[in-house]
C-alpha atoms as a PDB file:
ATOM      1  CA  MET A   1     186.530   8.321  78.684  1.00  0.00           C
ATOM      2  CA  PRO A   2     189.348   6.793  76.607  1.00  0.00           C
ATOM      3  CA  GLU A   3     192.711   8.479  76.615  1.00  0.00           C
ATOM      4  CA  PHE A   4     193.719  10.704  73.707  1.00  0.00           C
ATOM      5  CA  GLY A   5     194.393   8.550  70.625  1.00  0.00           C
ATOM      6  CA  ALA A   6     193.637   5.308  72.489  1.00  0.00           C
ATOM      7  CA  TRP A   7     191.441   3.907  69.716  1.00  0.00           C
ATOM      8  CA  ALA A   8     194.363   3.829  67.313  1.00  0.00           C
ATOM      9  CA  ALA A   9     196.349   1.402  69.502  1.00  0.00           C
ATOM     10  CA  ARG A  10     195.507  -1.521  67.167  1.00  0.00           C
ATOM     11  CA  TRP A  11     195.224  -1.310  63.391  1.00  0.00           C
ATOM     12  CA  TRP A  12     191.784  -2.909  63.354  1.00  0.00           C
ATOM     13  CA  MET A  13     190.207  -0.401  65.754  1.00  0.00           C
ATOM     14  CA  PRO A  14     189.846   2.516  63.311  1.00  0.00           C
ATOM     15  CA  VAL A  15     188.792   0.061  60.577  1.00  0.00           C
ATOM     16  CA  LEU A  16     186.043  -1.382  62.776  1.00  0.00           C
ATOM     17  CA  PHE A  17     184.956   2.121  63.793  1.00  0.00           C
ATOM     18  CA  VAL A  18     184.662   3.250  60.173  1.00  0.00           C
ATOM     19  CA  VAL A  19     182.642   0.166  59.183  1.00  0.00           C
ATOM     20  CA  VAL A  20     180.242   0.377  62.136  1.00  0.00           C
ATOM     21  CA  ALA A  21     179.869   4.162  61.915  1.00  0.00           C
ATOM     22  CA  GLY A  22     179.370   3.935  58.159  1.00  0.00           C
ATOM     23  CA  HIS A  23     176.653   1.334  58.551  1.00  0.00           C
ATOM     24  CA  ILE A  24     174.875   3.500  61.120  1.00  0.00           C
ATOM     25  CA  THR A  25     175.031   6.402  58.663  1.00  0.00           C
ATOM     26  CA  ASN A  26     173.554   4.251  55.889  1.00  0.00           C
ATOM     27  CA  VAL A  27     170.760   3.118  58.201  1.00  0.00           C
ATOM     28  CA  CYS A  28     169.936   6.714  59.158  1.00  0.00           C
ATOM     29  CA  VAL A  29     169.831   7.669  55.480  1.00  0.00           C
ATOM     30  CA  THR A  30     167.554   4.825  54.441  1.00  0.00           C
ATOM     31  CA  LEU A  31     165.186   4.943  57.422  1.00  0.00           C
ATOM     32  CA  PHE A  32     164.942   8.651  58.193  1.00  0.00           C
ATOM     33  CA  LEU A  33     165.769  10.486  54.973  1.00  0.00           C
ATOM     34  CA  HIS A  34     164.473   7.978  52.454  1.00  0.00           C
ATOM     35  CA  ARG A  35     161.656   5.792  53.732  1.00  0.00           C
ATOM     36  CA  ALA A  36     160.242   8.214  56.319  1.00  0.00           C
ATOM     37  CA  GLN A  37     160.874  11.734  55.027  1.00  0.00           C
ATOM     38  CA  THR A  38     160.919  11.303  51.253  1.00  0.00           C
ATOM     39  CA  HIS A  39     158.287   8.655  50.589  1.00  0.00           C
ATOM     40  CA  ARG A  40     156.301   8.650  53.851  1.00  0.00           C
ATOM     41  CA  GLY A  41     155.795   4.901  53.940  1.00  0.00           C
ATOM     42  CA  LEU A  42     157.253   4.971  57.451  1.00  0.00           C
ATOM     43  CA  ARG A  43     156.713   7.190  60.481  1.00  0.00           C
ATOM     44  CA  LEU A  44     159.386   7.421  63.154  1.00  0.00           C
ATOM     45  CA  HIS A  45     158.836   8.437  66.753  1.00  0.00           C
ATOM     46  CA  GLY A  46     160.890  11.440  67.833  1.00  0.00           C
ATOM     47  CA  ILE A  47     162.900   9.212  70.165  1.00  0.00           C
ATOM     48  CA  ALA A  48     164.096   7.329  67.072  1.00  0.00           C
ATOM     49  CA  SER A  49     164.293  10.161  64.538  1.00  0.00           C
ATOM     50  CA  LEU A  50     166.160  12.720  66.654  1.00  0.00           C
ATOM     51  CA  PRO A  51     169.288  10.564  67.170  1.00  0.00           C
ATOM     52  CA  MET A  52     169.257   9.806  63.431  1.00  0.00           C
ATOM     53  CA  ARG A  53     169.084  13.502  62.597  1.00  0.00           C
ATOM     54  CA  ALA A  54     171.908  14.239  65.027  1.00  0.00           C
ATOM     55  CA  TRP A  55     174.078  11.437  63.634  1.00  0.00           C
ATOM     56  CA  LEU A  56     173.569  12.626  60.053  1.00  0.00           C
ATOM     57  CA  TRP A  57     174.465  16.155  61.179  1.00  0.00           C
ATOM     58  CA  LEU A  58     177.709  14.859  62.655  1.00  0.00           C
ATOM     59  CA  THR A  59     178.728  12.551  59.818  1.00  0.00           C
ATOM     60  CA  THR A  60     177.349  13.983  56.569  1.00  0.00           C
ATOM     61  CA  ALA A  61     176.265  17.665  56.862  1.00  0.00           C
ATOM     62  CA  ILE A  62     173.169  16.630  54.874  1.00  0.00           C
ATOM     63  CA  VAL A  63     170.247  19.050  55.127  1.00  0.00           C
ATOM     64  CA  THR A  64     167.026  17.022  55.221  1.00  0.00           C
ATOM     65  CA  LYS A  65     165.009  19.301  52.931  1.00  0.00           C
ATOM     66  CA  GLU A  66     167.757  19.287  50.313  1.00  0.00           C
ATOM     67  CA  TRP A  67     168.186  15.510  50.312  1.00  0.00           C
ATOM     68  CA  VAL A  68     164.443  14.911  50.139  1.00  0.00           C
ATOM     69  CA  ALA A  69     163.969  17.434  47.324  1.00  0.00           C
ATOM     70  CA  CYS A  70     166.785  15.920  45.278  1.00  0.00           C
ATOM     71  CA  HIS A  71     165.464  12.385  45.682  1.00  0.00           C
ATOM     72  CA  ARG A  72     161.865  13.275  44.885  1.00  0.00           C
ATOM     73  CA  LYS A  73     163.055  15.046  41.752  1.00  0.00           C
ATOM     74  CA  HIS A  74     165.017  11.919  40.861  1.00  0.00           C
ATOM     75  CA  HIS A  75     161.808   9.872  40.973  1.00  0.00           C
ATOM     76  CA  ALA A  76     159.886  12.478  38.979  1.00  0.00           C
ATOM     77  CA  PHE A  77     162.448  12.395  36.137  1.00  0.00           C
ATOM     78  CA  ALA A  78     164.124   9.019  36.613  1.00  0.00           C
ATOM     79  CA  ASP A  79     166.766   8.431  33.931  1.00  0.00           C
ATOM     80  CA  ARG A  80     165.683  11.246  31.652  1.00  0.00           C
ATOM     81  CA  GLU A  81     166.453  14.908  31.316  1.00  0.00           C
ATOM     82  CA  GLY A  82     165.856  16.559  34.687  1.00  0.00           C
ATOM     83  CA  ASP A  83     167.056  13.614  36.788  1.00  0.00           C
ATOM     84  CA  PRO A  84     169.627  15.053  39.225  1.00  0.00           C
ATOM     85  CA  HIS A  85     171.865  11.973  39.129  1.00  0.00           C
ATOM     86  CA  SER A  86     171.266   9.522  36.305  1.00  0.00           C
ATOM     87  CA  PRO A  87     174.117   7.468  34.790  1.00  0.00           C
ATOM     88  CA  VAL A  88     171.939   7.115  31.702  1.00  0.00           C
ATOM     89  CA  VAL A  89     171.999  10.894  31.226  1.00  0.00           C
ATOM     90  CA  GLU A  90     175.384  11.808  32.713  1.00  0.00           C
ATOM     91  CA  GLY A  91     177.352   8.572  32.346  1.00  0.00           C
ATOM     92  CA  LEU A  92     178.224   6.003  35.021  1.00  0.00           C
ATOM     93  CA  ARG A  93     181.783   7.273  35.516  1.00  0.00           C
ATOM     94  CA  ASN A  94     180.573  10.831  36.181  1.00  0.00           C
ATOM     95  CA  ILE A  95     177.955   9.705  38.708  1.00  0.00           C
ATOM     96  CA  MET A  96     180.429   7.435  40.505  1.00  0.00           C
ATOM     97  CA  LEU A  97     183.068  10.157  40.786  1.00  0.00           C
ATOM     98  CA  LYS A  98     180.992  13.333  40.913  1.00  0.00           C
ATOM     99  CA  GLY A  99     177.655  12.225  42.368  1.00  0.00           C
ATOM    100  CA  ALA A 100     177.879  14.754  45.197  1.00  0.00           C
ATOM    101  CA  PHE A 101     178.486  17.532  42.667  1.00  0.00           C
ATOM    102  CA  TYR A 102     175.273  16.688  40.808  1.00  0.00           C
ATOM    103  CA  TYR A 103     173.414  16.636  44.131  1.00  0.00           C
ATOM    104  CA  ARG A 104     174.625  20.143  45.018  1.00  0.00           C
ATOM    105  CA  LYS A 105     173.795  21.393  41.542  1.00  0.00           C
ATOM    106  CA  ALA A 106     170.237  20.055  41.788  1.00  0.00           C
ATOM    107  CA  VAL A 107     169.372  21.515  45.195  1.00  0.00           C
ATOM    108  CA  ARG A 108     170.672  24.944  44.176  1.00  0.00           C
ATOM    109  CA  GLN A 109     168.303  25.207  41.229  1.00  0.00           C
ATOM    110  CA  PRO A 110     165.592  27.848  41.793  1.00  0.00           C
ATOM    111  CA  GLY A 111     162.348  26.444  43.149  1.00  0.00           C
ATOM    112  CA  VAL A 112     163.565  22.872  43.673  1.00  0.00           C
ATOM    113  CA  LEU A 113     163.487  22.983  47.477  1.00  0.00           C
ATOM    114  CA  GLU A 114     160.078  24.638  47.577  1.00  0.00           C
ATOM    115  CA  LYS A 115     158.554  22.235  45.055  1.00  0.00           C
ATOM    116  CA  TYR A 116     160.063  18.916  46.098  1.00  0.00           C
ATOM    117  CA  GLY A 117     161.146  19.492  49.700  1.00  0.00           C
ATOM    118  CA  ARG A 118     157.806  20.190  51.336  1.00  0.00           C
ATOM    119  CA  GLY A 119     156.795  18.448  54.543  1.00  0.00           C
ATOM    120  CA  THR A 120     160.282  18.045  55.970  1.00  0.00           C
ATOM    121  CA  PRO A 121     161.149  19.021  59.585  1.00  0.00           C
ATOM    122  CA  ASN A 122     160.992  22.727  60.350  1.00  0.00           C
ATOM    123  CA  ASP A 123     161.440  22.741  64.115  1.00  0.00           C
ATOM    124  CA  LEU A 124     163.916  24.856  66.083  1.00  0.00           C
ATOM    125  CA  LEU A 125     166.658  22.238  65.848  1.00  0.00           C
ATOM    126  CA  GLU A 126     166.333  22.094  62.082  1.00  0.00           C
ATOM    127  CA  ARG A 127     166.132  25.853  61.565  1.00  0.00           C
ATOM    128  CA  TYR A 128     168.911  26.910  63.929  1.00  0.00           C
ATOM    129  CA  LEU A 129     171.263  23.902  64.074  1.00  0.00           C
ATOM    130  CA  PHE A 130     170.911  21.014  61.637  1.00  0.00           C
ATOM    131  CA  ALA A 131     170.247  23.135  58.536  1.00  0.00           C
ATOM    132  CA  ARG A 132     171.762  26.530  59.353  1.00  0.00           C
ATOM    133  CA  LEU A 133     174.917  25.138  60.982  1.00  0.00           C
ATOM    134  CA  ASN A 134     175.270  21.886  59.048  1.00  0.00           C
ATOM    135  CA  TRP A 135     179.031  22.510  58.758  1.00  0.00           C
ATOM    136  CA  LEU A 136     179.359  22.547  62.540  1.00  0.00           C
ATOM    137  CA  GLY A 137     178.352  18.906  62.890  1.00  0.00           C
ATOM    138  CA  ILE A 138     181.161  17.544  60.742  1.00  0.00           C
ATOM    139  CA  THR A 139     183.577  19.876  62.535  1.00  0.00           C
ATOM    140  CA  VAL A 140     182.533  18.372  65.872  1.00  0.00           C
ATOM    141  CA  MET A 141     183.002  14.928  64.313  1.00  0.00           C
ATOM    142  CA  LEU A 142     186.542  15.875  63.303  1.00  0.00           C
ATOM    143  CA  VAL A 143     187.334  16.880  66.881  1.00  0.00           C
ATOM    144  CA  ILE A 144     185.900  13.584  68.173  1.00  0.00           C
ATOM    145  CA  ASP A 145     187.877  11.531  65.645  1.00  0.00           C
ATOM    146  CA  VAL A 146     191.117  13.334  66.464  1.00  0.00           C
ATOM    147  CA  TYR A 147     190.563  12.757  70.177  1.00  0.00           C
ATOM    148  CA  LEU A 148     189.792   9.058  69.705  1.00  0.00           C
ATOM    149  CA  PHE A 149     192.455   8.242  67.110  1.00  0.00           C
ATOM    150  CA  GLY A 150     195.124  10.923  67.418  1.00  0.00           C
ATOM    151  CA  PHE A 151     196.403  13.667  65.155  1.00  0.00           C
ATOM    152  CA  PHE A 152     197.384  11.357  62.267  1.00  0.00           C
ATOM    153  CA  VAL A 153     194.785   8.568  62.164  1.00  0.00           C
ATOM    154  CA  GLY A 154     191.913  10.789  63.346  1.00  0.00           C
ATOM    155  CA  PRO A 155     191.775  13.008  60.219  1.00  0.00           C
ATOM    156  CA  LEU A 156     192.026   9.872  58.029  1.00  0.00           C
ATOM    157  CA  VAL A 157     189.042   8.312  59.795  1.00  0.00           C
ATOM    158  CA  TRP A 158     187.133  11.589  59.422  1.00  0.00           C
ATOM    159  CA  GLY A 159     187.996  11.779  55.727  1.00  0.00           C
ATOM    160  CA  VAL A 160     186.582   8.302  55.114  1.00  0.00           C
ATOM    161  CA  GLN A 161     183.414   9.272  56.981  1.00  0.00           C
ATOM    162  CA  MET A 162     183.034  12.370  54.802  1.00  0.00           C
ATOM    163  CA  LEU A 163     183.423  10.288  51.626  1.00  0.00           C
ATOM    164  CA  TRP A 164     181.145   7.473  52.819  1.00  0.00           C
ATOM    165  CA  ILE A 165     177.776   8.782  51.614  1.00  0.00           C
ATOM    166  CA  PRO A 166     179.104  10.469  48.443  1.00  0.00           C
ATOM    167  CA  PHE A 167     180.590   7.106  47.437  1.00  0.00           C
ATOM    168  CA  TRP A 168     178.009   4.570  48.610  1.00  0.00           C
ATOM    169  CA  ALA A 169     174.825   6.615  48.070  1.00  0.00           C
ATOM    170  CA  ALA A 170     175.612   9.154  45.379  1.00  0.00           C
ATOM    171  CA  GLY A 171     177.992   6.806  43.568  1.00  0.00           C
ATOM    172  CA  VAL A 172     177.016   3.164  44.076  1.00  0.00           C
ATOM    173  CA  VAL A 173     173.242   3.374  44.605  1.00  0.00           C
ATOM    174  CA  ASN A 174     172.544   6.182  42.152  1.00  0.00           C
ATOM    175  CA  GLY A 175     175.199   5.034  39.684  1.00  0.00           C
ATOM    176  CA  ILE A 176     175.546   1.255  39.684  1.00  0.00           C
ATOM    177  CA  GLY A 177     171.916   0.955  40.824  1.00  0.00           C
ATOM    178  CA  HIS A 178     170.863   2.373  37.455  1.00  0.00           C
ATOM    179  CA  ALA A 179     173.465   0.622  35.310  1.00  0.00           C
ATOM    180  CA  LEU A 180     174.280  -2.905  36.517  1.00  0.00           C
ATOM    181  CA  GLY A 181     172.317  -5.684  38.191  1.00  0.00           C
ATOM    182  CA  TYR A 182     169.054  -7.552  37.791  1.00  0.00           C
ATOM    183  CA  ARG A 183     165.458  -6.370  37.466  1.00  0.00           C
ATOM    184  CA  ASN A 184     162.337  -7.806  39.065  1.00  0.00           C
ATOM    185  CA  TYR A 185     160.094  -5.164  37.509  1.00  0.00           C
ATOM    186  CA  GLU A 186     159.983  -3.520  34.094  1.00  0.00           C
ATOM    187  CA  VAL A 187     159.687   0.096  35.135  1.00  0.00           C
ATOM    188  CA  LYS A 188     160.155   3.155  32.918  1.00  0.00           C
ATOM    189  CA  ASP A 189     163.661   3.872  34.260  1.00  0.00           C
ATOM    190  CA  GLU A 190     166.850   1.770  34.267  1.00  0.00           C
ATOM    191  CA  SER A 191     166.894   0.925  37.983  1.00  0.00           C
ATOM    192  CA  ARG A 192     168.597  -2.325  38.987  1.00  0.00           C
ATOM    193  CA  ASN A 193     168.946  -4.486  42.092  1.00  0.00           C
ATOM    194  CA  ILE A 194     172.585  -4.946  43.049  1.00  0.00           C
ATOM    195  CA  SER A 195     172.054  -7.458  45.858  1.00  0.00           C
ATOM    196  CA  PRO A 196     173.531  -8.954  47.980  1.00  0.00           C
ATOM    197  CA  ILE A 197     175.292  -6.088  49.777  1.00  0.00           C
ATOM    198  CA  ALA A 198     172.465  -5.091  52.103  1.00  0.00           C
ATOM    199  CA  ILE A 199     174.655  -5.009  55.184  1.00  0.00           C
ATOM    200  CA  TRP A 200     176.522  -2.063  53.664  1.00  0.00           C
ATOM    201  CA  LEU A 201     173.666  -0.128  52.112  1.00  0.00           C
ATOM    202  CA  GLY A 202     170.799  -0.767  54.497  1.00  0.00           C
ATOM    203  CA  GLY A 203     168.625  -2.312  51.776  1.00  0.00           C
ATOM    204  CA  GLU A 204     169.129   0.522  49.287  1.00  0.00           C
ATOM    205  CA  GLU A 205     170.752  -1.877  46.838  1.00  0.00           C
ATOM    206  CA  LEU A 206     167.258  -3.265  46.051  1.00  0.00           C
ATOM    207  CA  HIS A 207     166.829  -0.256  43.825  1.00  0.00           C
ATOM    208  CA  ASN A 208     164.592  -1.692  41.098  1.00  0.00           C
ATOM    209  CA  ASN A 209     162.161  -2.958  43.715  1.00  0.00           C
ATOM    210  CA  HIS A 210     162.086   0.502  45.241  1.00  0.00           C
ATOM    211  CA  HIS A 211     161.439   2.260  41.937  1.00  0.00           C
ATOM    212  CA  ALA A 212     158.599  -0.145  41.189  1.00  0.00           C
ATOM    213  CA  ASP A 213     156.864   0.801  44.455  1.00  0.00           C
ATOM    214  CA  PRO A 214     158.503   3.958  45.904  1.00  0.00           C
ATOM    215  CA  LYS A 215     156.180   4.403  48.876  1.00  0.00           C
ATOM    216  CA  SER A 216     156.818   0.920  50.245  1.00  0.00           C
ATOM    217  CA  ALA A 217     158.828   0.914  53.469  1.00  0.00           C
ATOM    218  CA  ARG A 218     159.930  -2.623  52.620  1.00  0.00           C
ATOM    219  CA  PHE A 219     162.335  -2.967  49.700  1.00  0.00           C
ATOM    220  CA  ALA A 220     162.660  -6.763  49.405  1.00  0.00           C
ATOM    221  CA  ALA A 221     160.331  -8.460  46.929  1.00  0.00           C
ATOM    222  CA  LYS A 222     161.740 -11.961  46.338  1.00  0.00           C
ATOM    223  CA  TRP A 223     162.376 -14.689  48.897  1.00  0.00           C
ATOM    224  CA  PHE A 224     166.151 -14.488  48.459  1.00  0.00           C
ATOM    225  CA  GLU A 225     166.371 -10.720  48.937  1.00  0.00           C
ATOM    226  CA  PHE A 226     167.294  -9.365  52.344  1.00  0.00           C
ATOM    227  CA  ASP A 227     166.434  -5.806  53.351  1.00  0.00           C
ATOM    228  CA  ILE A 228     168.258  -5.128  56.589  1.00  0.00           C
ATOM    229  CA  GLY A 229     166.552  -1.725  56.796  1.00  0.00           C
ATOM    230  CA  TRP A 230     163.224  -3.540  57.096  1.00  0.00           C
ATOM    231  CA  MET A 231     164.680  -5.649  59.906  1.00  0.00           C
ATOM    232  CA  TYR A 232     165.565  -2.461  61.796  1.00  0.00           C
ATOM    233  CA  ILE A 233     162.067  -1.110  61.177  1.00  0.00           C
ATOM    234  CA  ARG A 234     160.594  -4.247  62.747  1.00  0.00           C
ATOM    235  CA  VAL A 235     162.819  -3.776  65.797  1.00  0.00           C
ATOM    236  CA  LEU A 236     161.685  -0.160  66.130  1.00  0.00           C
ATOM    237  CA  GLN A 237     158.072  -1.291  65.764  1.00  0.00           C
ATOM    238  CA  ALA A 238     158.528  -3.728  68.623  1.00  0.00           C
ATOM    239  CA  PHE A 239     159.419  -0.767  70.841  1.00  0.00           C
ATOM    240  CA  ARG A 240     156.633   1.367  69.333  1.00  0.00           C
ATOM    241  CA  LEU A 241     159.158   3.773  67.852  1.00  0.00           C
ATOM    242  CA  ALA A 242     158.042   3.294  64.247  1.00  0.00           C
ATOM    243  CA  ARG A 243     154.779   2.897  62.355  1.00  0.00           C
ATOM    244  CA  VAL A 244     154.537   1.538  58.838  1.00  0.00           C
ATOM    245  CA  ASP A 245     151.925   3.270  56.723  1.00  0.00           C
ATOM    246  CA  TYR A 246     152.594   1.096  53.694  1.00  0.00           C
ATOM    247  CA  ALA A 247     154.867  -1.836  52.850  1.00  0.00           C
ATOM    248  CA  ARG A 248     154.559  -4.250  49.957  1.00  0.00           C
ATOM    249  CA  GLY A 249     153.081  -7.566  51.020  1.00  0.00           C
ATOM    250  CA  VAL A 250     152.443  -6.359  54.570  1.00  0.00           C
ATOM    251  CA  HIS A 251     149.086  -5.315  55.982  1.00  0.00           C
ATOM    252  CA  GLU A 252     149.650  -2.216  58.099  1.00  0.00           C
ATOM    253  CA  HIS A 253     147.897   1.016  58.980  1.00  0.00           C
ATOM    254  CA  ARG A 254     147.647   3.181  55.880  1.00  0.00           C
ATOM    255  CA  THR A 255     147.331   6.918  55.614  1.00  0.00           C
ATOM    256  CA  GLY A 256     146.460   9.383  52.894  1.00  0.00           C
ATOM    257  CA  ASN A 257     149.493  11.492  53.788  1.00  0.00           C
ATOM    258  CA  HIS A 258     151.871  10.434  51.027  1.00  0.00           C
ATOM    259  CA  VAL A 259     154.057  11.805  48.298  1.00  0.00           C
ATOM    260  CA  ASP A 260     152.364  11.584  44.909  1.00  0.00           C
ATOM    261  CA  HIS A 261     155.317  11.180  42.546  1.00  0.00           C
ATOM    262  CA  ALA A 262     153.053  11.011  39.519  1.00  0.00           C
ATOM    263  CA  GLN A 263     151.690  14.441  40.416  1.00  0.00           C
ATOM    264  CA  LEU A 264     155.195  15.771  41.068  1.00  0.00           C
ATOM    265  CA  GLU A 265     156.232  14.589  37.618  1.00  0.00           C
ATOM    266  CA  ALA A 266     153.158  16.094  36.006  1.00  0.00           C
ATOM    267  CA  ASN A 267     153.765  19.414  37.719  1.00  0.00           C
ATOM    268  CA  ALA A 268     157.393  19.463  36.618  1.00  0.00           C
ATOM    269  CA  ALA A 269     156.656  18.596  32.993  1.00  0.00           C
END
């Protein structure tokens, strides 16, 4: 075990920690919450999914059912009235600065969780720890950060971790990803690809590709596009910790267990 505050001995140590920890958080969001739970193009073995759930509990306080419900509703109403976080509807500045606020507002609407959050984990860990005590995880993370980096740097590191997903996911992906960038597909919404920053966002920056084929576990569509999330999926597959049910351009096992966004939209209309 390192001594108290030892990881703040050099200026670059907390910076490196924030970057690596932030990337891990982005990967857990894109693989577990997005590709596996929301769209069901990917299935993760418990050995892979449980550490991801625990990490998200520690670093984000995200409740899986809430995140999934919000994102499915986003696809059902993309860039029109009813979209929980559209810069077209709310304005880019508002989404960039207040994306987390719109997320909370959406998941608190009556019936949203029941309608759009079905099929998410409901085991003992989810019911009694990850969902019920979601605040406890980030509190534990604060204690860890203070121990590693000391009483001054530790809370700063923790603060950046708490702002990481609200900024990169709620702000950049949901904001810039529907306002600036290039399009491979003419879809009904304003989604854009904001490549090449895949190392930061786990492939989520290929947003137009994703909206054109939401169930696909692979986001890249052109030869020059790099989806690092797909690279991680391939690594997990090599260890039999992941199974791809559907990915564009890839022949894999397919299943009828999927999220029908067209039906969700029809039901919500």
